[in-house]
Protein backbone atom coordinates (compact mmCIF):
# COMPACT_ATOMS: atom_id res chain seq x y z
CA MET A 1 -56.85 7.66 -25.46
CA PRO A 2 -53.35 6.40 -23.84
CA ASP A 3 -54.70 8.75 -20.85
CA ASN A 4 -58.24 7.69 -20.29
CA ALA A 5 -56.73 4.64 -20.60
CA CYS A 6 -54.02 4.94 -17.76
CA LEU A 7 -56.83 6.29 -15.76
CA VAL A 8 -58.77 3.65 -16.24
CA LYS A 9 -56.17 0.33 -14.86
CA THR A 10 -55.76 3.41 -11.89
CA LYS A 11 -59.24 3.51 -10.99
CA TYR A 12 -59.17 -0.33 -10.81
CA PHE A 13 -56.22 -0.30 -9.01
CA ALA A 14 -56.90 1.98 -6.17
CA GLN A 15 -60.23 -0.55 -5.75
CA LEU A 16 -58.13 -3.39 -5.60
CA VAL A 17 -56.22 -2.16 -3.33
CA ALA A 18 -59.06 -0.51 -1.28
CA LEU A 19 -60.56 -4.10 -1.29
CA SER A 20 -56.72 -5.49 -0.14
CA ALA A 21 -57.60 -3.13 3.26
CA LEU A 22 -60.70 -4.45 3.82
CA TRP A 23 -60.30 -7.93 3.50
CA GLY A 24 -57.06 -7.87 5.38
CA ALA A 25 -58.81 -6.60 8.03
CA SER A 26 -61.42 -8.90 8.00
CA PHE A 27 -58.88 -11.20 9.23
CA MET A 28 -58.84 -8.89 12.77
CA LEU A 29 -62.32 -9.10 12.80
CA ILE A 30 -62.36 -12.97 12.84
CA ARG A 31 -59.65 -13.31 15.23
CA ILE A 32 -61.79 -11.16 17.25
CA ALA A 33 -65.16 -12.97 17.35
CA SER A 34 -64.74 -16.58 16.36
CA PRO A 35 -63.54 -17.15 20.00
CA LEU A 36 -66.41 -15.55 21.38
CA LEU A 37 -68.77 -17.09 18.49
CA GLY A 38 -67.78 -20.09 17.65
CA PRO A 39 -66.42 -20.69 13.98
CA ASN A 40 -70.14 -21.75 13.25
CA VAL A 41 -71.91 -19.12 14.63
CA LEU A 42 -69.15 -16.21 13.30
CA ALA A 43 -69.30 -17.89 9.55
CA ALA A 44 -73.30 -17.78 9.90
CA LEU A 45 -73.49 -14.84 11.51
CA ARG A 46 -71.35 -13.11 8.67
CA ILE A 47 -73.15 -14.50 6.03
CA GLY A 48 -76.22 -13.35 6.52
CA VAL A 49 -75.53 -9.80 7.87
CA ALA A 50 -73.99 -9.59 4.09
CA THR A 51 -77.38 -11.44 2.37
CA LEU A 52 -79.43 -8.52 4.49
CA THR A 53 -76.78 -6.38 2.76
CA LEU A 54 -77.24 -7.33 -0.19
CA THR A 55 -80.69 -7.81 -0.53
CA ILE A 56 -81.68 -4.66 0.43
CA LEU A 57 -79.46 -2.91 -2.77
CA MET A 58 -81.32 -5.78 -4.67
CA ARG A 59 -84.56 -4.20 -3.74
CA ALA A 60 -83.45 -0.82 -4.41
CA MET A 61 -81.46 -1.23 -7.76
CA GLN A 62 -84.65 -3.54 -9.11
CA HIS A 63 -82.74 -6.57 -9.92
CA ARG A 64 -84.47 -10.03 -9.56
CA TRP A 65 -83.06 -13.17 -7.95
CA PRO A 66 -81.56 -15.54 -10.68
CA LEU A 67 -83.32 -18.42 -9.70
CA LYS A 68 -82.77 -20.33 -12.59
CA HIS A 69 -79.20 -20.24 -11.75
CA TRP A 70 -79.13 -21.50 -8.21
CA ARG A 71 -77.06 -24.81 -9.36
CA GLU A 72 -74.26 -22.51 -10.20
CA LEU A 73 -74.67 -19.89 -7.52
CA ALA A 74 -75.25 -22.57 -5.05
CA VAL A 75 -71.45 -24.27 -6.10
CA LEU A 76 -69.53 -20.69 -6.27
CA GLY A 77 -71.15 -20.09 -3.01
CA ALA A 78 -69.60 -23.25 -1.26
CA LEU A 79 -66.26 -22.45 -2.65
CA SER A 80 -66.32 -18.58 -2.78
CA VAL A 81 -68.60 -17.53 0.38
CA ALA A 82 -68.91 -21.01 3.20
CA PHE A 83 -66.48 -22.81 3.44
CA PRO A 84 -63.07 -20.51 3.54
CA PHE A 85 -65.68 -18.16 5.89
CA LEU A 86 -65.92 -21.28 8.00
CA LEU A 87 -62.31 -22.74 7.46
CA PHE A 88 -60.74 -19.15 8.06
CA ALA A 89 -63.03 -18.45 11.52
CA TRP A 90 -61.95 -21.50 12.57
CA ALA A 91 -57.93 -21.45 12.17
CA ALA A 92 -58.45 -18.64 13.96
CA LEU A 93 -58.59 -20.45 17.05
CA GLN A 94 -55.20 -20.91 16.58
CA LEU A 95 -53.42 -18.63 14.34
CA PRO A 96 -53.01 -14.82 14.55
CA ALA A 97 -55.04 -12.57 11.98
CA GLY A 98 -51.03 -12.27 9.83
CA TYR A 99 -50.70 -16.02 9.63
CA SER A 100 -54.22 -16.39 8.16
CA ALA A 101 -53.79 -13.36 6.05
CA LEU A 102 -50.15 -14.92 4.46
CA LEU A 103 -51.55 -17.76 3.61
CA ASN A 104 -54.60 -16.99 1.85
CA THR A 105 -52.17 -15.53 -0.88
CA THR A 106 -52.50 -19.51 -1.52
CA ALA A 107 -55.67 -18.40 -3.03
CA VAL A 108 -53.71 -17.31 -6.39
CA VAL A 109 -51.38 -20.54 -6.60
CA PHE A 110 -54.63 -22.60 -6.74
CA GLY A 111 -56.01 -20.25 -9.07
CA ILE A 112 -53.51 -19.94 -11.86
CA PHE A 113 -54.05 -23.53 -11.64
CA ALA A 114 -58.02 -23.17 -12.42
CA ALA A 115 -57.90 -21.00 -14.73
CA ALA A 116 -55.61 -22.90 -16.76
CA TRP A 117 -57.61 -25.70 -16.38
CA LEU A 118 -60.93 -24.04 -17.78
CA LYS A 119 -58.81 -22.45 -20.53
CA GLU A 120 -58.69 -19.03 -19.24
CA ASP A 121 -55.05 -18.86 -18.93
CA THR A 122 -52.05 -21.05 -19.81
CA LEU A 123 -49.72 -22.01 -16.83
CA THR A 124 -45.25 -21.17 -17.80
CA LEU A 125 -42.70 -21.95 -16.11
CA ARG A 126 -42.39 -18.70 -14.55
CA LYS A 127 -45.55 -19.67 -13.07
CA LEU A 128 -44.71 -22.76 -11.89
CA ILE A 129 -41.75 -21.57 -10.43
CA GLY A 130 -43.76 -18.90 -8.28
CA CYS A 131 -45.62 -21.63 -6.97
CA ALA A 132 -43.19 -22.86 -5.02
CA CYS A 133 -41.41 -19.91 -4.18
CA GLY A 134 -45.05 -19.32 -2.71
CA PHE A 135 -45.78 -22.20 -0.68
CA ALA A 136 -41.83 -22.12 0.47
CA GLY A 137 -42.33 -19.18 1.74
CA VAL A 138 -45.81 -20.60 3.54
CA ALA A 139 -43.74 -22.66 5.16
CA LEU A 140 -41.13 -20.19 6.68
CA ILE A 141 -43.99 -18.45 7.84
CA VAL A 142 -46.06 -21.18 10.26
CA GLY A 143 -42.19 -22.71 10.99
CA LEU A 144 -40.24 -19.58 11.71
CA GLY A 145 -43.28 -16.99 13.01
CA PRO A 146 -43.89 -16.77 16.48
CA VAL A 147 -46.87 -19.53 17.34
CA LYS A 148 -44.86 -22.64 18.01
CA PRO A 149 -45.66 -25.46 15.38
CA SER A 150 -47.83 -28.20 16.82
CA LEU A 151 -50.97 -30.06 15.64
CA GLN A 152 -53.03 -27.53 16.34
CA VAL A 153 -51.33 -24.82 14.40
CA ILE A 154 -50.71 -27.49 10.93
CA LEU A 155 -53.96 -28.19 11.12
CA ALA A 156 -55.02 -24.31 11.08
CA ALA A 157 -52.44 -23.91 8.55
CA LEU A 158 -53.89 -26.23 6.34
CA ALA A 159 -57.50 -25.36 6.76
CA CYS A 160 -56.40 -21.98 5.77
CA THR A 161 -54.54 -23.24 2.89
CA ALA A 162 -58.15 -25.26 2.08
CA ALA A 163 -59.80 -21.98 2.29
CA SER A 164 -57.79 -20.26 -0.02
CA ALA A 165 -58.05 -23.24 -2.98
CA CYS A 166 -61.35 -22.74 -2.36
CA TYR A 167 -61.23 -18.68 -3.30
CA GLY A 168 -58.82 -19.48 -6.60
CA ILE A 169 -60.66 -22.22 -8.04
CA SER A 170 -63.72 -19.87 -7.54
CA THR A 171 -62.86 -17.01 -9.14
CA PRO A 172 -61.95 -17.80 -12.85
CA LEU A 173 -65.94 -19.73 -12.37
CA MET A 174 -67.07 -16.43 -11.02
CA LYS A 175 -65.34 -14.91 -14.47
CA ARG A 176 -68.01 -17.24 -16.38
CA ALA A 177 -70.90 -16.51 -14.78
CA ILE A 178 -70.55 -12.57 -15.42
CA GLY A 179 -71.75 -13.79 -18.60
CA ARG A 180 -74.73 -15.16 -17.46
CA MET A 181 -75.96 -13.29 -14.40
CA GLN A 182 -74.83 -9.36 -13.20
CA PRO A 183 -72.42 -8.98 -10.33
CA LEU A 184 -75.04 -7.53 -7.30
CA GLN A 185 -77.06 -10.59 -8.33
CA ILE A 186 -73.78 -13.35 -8.45
CA ALA A 187 -73.33 -11.82 -4.66
CA ALA A 188 -76.48 -11.60 -3.04
CA GLY A 189 -77.00 -15.33 -4.55
CA ILE A 190 -73.71 -17.06 -3.49
CA HIS A 191 -74.66 -15.35 0.20
CA ALA A 192 -78.19 -16.51 0.24
CA LEU A 193 -76.88 -20.20 -0.72
CA SER A 194 -73.82 -20.23 1.53
CA LEU A 195 -76.25 -19.43 4.62
CA VAL A 196 -78.61 -22.06 3.73
CA MET A 197 -75.37 -24.00 3.97
CA LEU A 198 -74.39 -23.46 7.55
CA ALA A 199 -77.71 -22.49 8.97
CA PRO A 200 -77.72 -26.28 10.72
CA GLY A 201 -73.81 -25.59 12.31
CA ALA A 202 -75.03 -22.25 13.94
CA LEU A 203 -78.36 -23.31 15.10
CA TRP A 204 -75.86 -26.50 17.02
CA SER A 205 -73.32 -23.91 18.11
CA TRP A 206 -75.74 -21.30 19.18
CA PRO A 207 -76.26 -22.08 22.87
CA GLN A 208 -71.97 -21.97 23.30
CA ALA A 209 -72.04 -18.75 21.43
CA GLN A 210 -70.90 -15.80 23.77
CA PHE A 211 -73.00 -12.34 21.89
CA THR A 212 -70.79 -9.84 23.47
CA PRO A 213 -71.00 -6.34 21.61
CA GLY A 214 -67.31 -6.17 20.98
CA ALA A 215 -68.25 -9.64 18.51
CA LEU A 216 -71.51 -8.39 17.01
CA ALA A 217 -69.37 -5.67 15.97
CA ALA A 218 -66.78 -7.29 14.91
CA VAL A 219 -69.70 -9.65 12.98
CA ALA A 220 -71.87 -6.62 12.06
CA VAL A 221 -68.00 -4.45 9.94
CA MET A 222 -67.53 -7.85 8.35
CA GLY A 223 -70.95 -8.80 7.16
CA VAL A 224 -71.76 -5.25 5.68
CA VAL A 225 -68.57 -4.11 4.34
CA THR A 226 -66.04 -6.60 4.22
CA SER A 227 -68.41 -9.40 2.67
CA GLY A 228 -71.51 -7.74 1.30
CA LEU A 229 -70.25 -4.38 -0.33
CA ALA A 230 -66.73 -5.89 -1.06
CA TYR A 231 -68.00 -9.14 -2.79
CA TRP A 232 -70.15 -6.75 -4.97
CA LEU A 233 -66.98 -4.72 -6.05
CA HIS A 234 -65.20 -7.48 -6.47
CA ILE A 235 -67.06 -9.24 -8.64
CA ARG A 236 -67.86 -5.68 -10.65
CA ILE A 237 -64.05 -5.50 -11.32
CA LEU A 238 -63.70 -8.95 -12.34
CA VAL A 239 -66.26 -7.93 -15.35
CA HIS A 240 -63.35 -5.68 -16.28
CA VAL A 241 -59.79 -7.84 -16.24
CA SER A 242 -58.58 -11.87 -16.02
CA PRO A 243 -59.32 -13.59 -12.96
CA VAL A 244 -55.67 -13.67 -12.15
CA ALA A 245 -55.79 -9.61 -11.91
CA ALA A 246 -58.47 -9.62 -10.37
CA MET A 247 -56.66 -11.80 -7.71
CA SER A 248 -53.78 -9.78 -7.37
CA PRO A 249 -55.56 -8.32 -4.41
CA THR A 250 -54.19 -10.96 -2.39
CA PHE A 251 -50.96 -10.13 -2.04
CA LEU A 252 -51.71 -7.14 -0.67
CA ILE A 253 -53.75 -8.28 2.14
CA PRO A 254 -51.35 -9.94 3.73
CA VAL A 255 -49.60 -6.28 4.02
CA PHE A 256 -52.96 -4.72 5.44
CA GLY A 257 -53.51 -8.11 7.41
CA VAL A 258 -50.39 -8.57 9.19
CA THR A 259 -50.23 -4.09 10.06
CA TRP A 260 -53.95 -4.80 12.01
CA GLY A 261 -53.14 -7.53 13.55
CA HIS A 262 -49.51 -5.73 14.90
CA LEU A 263 -51.80 -2.32 15.49
CA PHE A 264 -54.86 -3.49 17.10
CA LEU A 265 -54.16 -6.44 18.74
CA GLY A 266 -50.23 -6.37 19.58
CA GLU A 267 -49.45 -9.82 17.54
CA GLN A 268 -45.88 -10.58 17.12
CA LEU A 269 -43.81 -9.86 13.94
CA SER A 270 -41.08 -12.48 13.37
CA SER A 271 -38.51 -13.61 11.00
CA GLY A 272 -40.54 -15.88 9.38
CA ILE A 273 -42.64 -13.35 8.49
CA TYR A 274 -39.99 -11.26 6.94
CA ILE A 275 -38.92 -13.70 5.03
CA GLY A 276 -42.09 -15.88 4.48
CA GLY A 277 -43.91 -13.19 3.35
CA ALA A 278 -40.98 -12.00 1.06
CA LEU A 279 -41.07 -15.28 -0.56
CA VAL A 280 -44.60 -14.93 -0.82
CA LEU A 281 -44.21 -11.94 -2.71
CA VAL A 282 -41.84 -12.58 -4.88
CA ALA A 283 -43.95 -15.40 -5.86
CA SER A 284 -46.63 -13.13 -6.38
CA ALA A 285 -44.59 -11.26 -9.25
CA LEU A 286 -43.27 -14.52 -10.49
CA ILE A 287 -47.25 -15.58 -11.34
CA THR A 288 -49.33 -12.58 -12.09
CA GLY A 289 -45.91 -10.80 -14.30
CA PHE A 290 -46.87 -7.76 -12.14
CA ASN A 291 -43.61 -5.20 -12.92
CA PRO A 292 -43.80 -2.34 -11.33
CA TRP A 293 -41.44 -0.49 -13.00
CA ARG A 294 -42.43 -1.76 -16.60
CA GLN A 295 -45.86 -0.27 -15.50
CA ALA A 296 -44.10 2.81 -14.61
CA LEU A 297 -42.69 3.40 -17.86
CA ASP A 298 -45.47 2.33 -19.59
CA VAL A 299 -47.27 5.32 -17.94
CA VAL A 300 -44.59 7.95 -18.67
CA ASP A 301 -44.64 6.38 -22.91
CA ALA A 302 -48.14 7.19 -23.18
CA GLU A 303 -47.88 10.74 -21.44
CA LEU A 304 -44.89 11.62 -23.96
């Protein structure tokens, strides 16, 4: 039995790491496509491709659309898809991909408070200290990074933080929705309703968009992989783990986001990224209670 438990934990951990790599890459792709397509068109196209992908899966797996839960799905879609996608696309006009990925980690801070409010988790002094470390890390990232602070940069950072708050608040709500709908139904429903929300803005901005091959390729990858398939996988994992555990890949996303941005976009690294990123990782350990040494010992004990 201990061996089976370890295998299950390893499976979900591997899936969470894979999600982190995918979502880390999405910040790089947003940085490529947003200046060309514009935030409104980019967000709507990304969601549209994801909706098409999930619709095909729904039909292939013979799932029905959860029409009677449309109000709940609309709230979840606004918080977990529509608002975050639009805000991150707008922020990408001012911030490097690594910045956005690091600021995205504040989702866990908001998620902790949302989970406590919804009785899905409890607040402790350790978690509150972790929150303080997280916000201090964000301040260092913005203040000491290669991008000089300006009104536009500050507003973009606030947009990323607002998007992260939406993610954090939506996760415990998503956990509750799983009791009423299948993961694929939730993923398809929230993307379809989010597309309806963002369609007017996309149509208004459509004439100004530059539909280059690179931008369209970035949208295709985001829509199919980092949105459609990744959200479905994320919700499937959420069936088996707590909301806080499901948000744990958020702290690995910056590792991939900064790496992809540096390798493929030539984004600069600075002391602010390292110091602020370290504080954010400390915050993650305090908030989630993650201790790799303790977990390693647990595995050893299970094998003995």
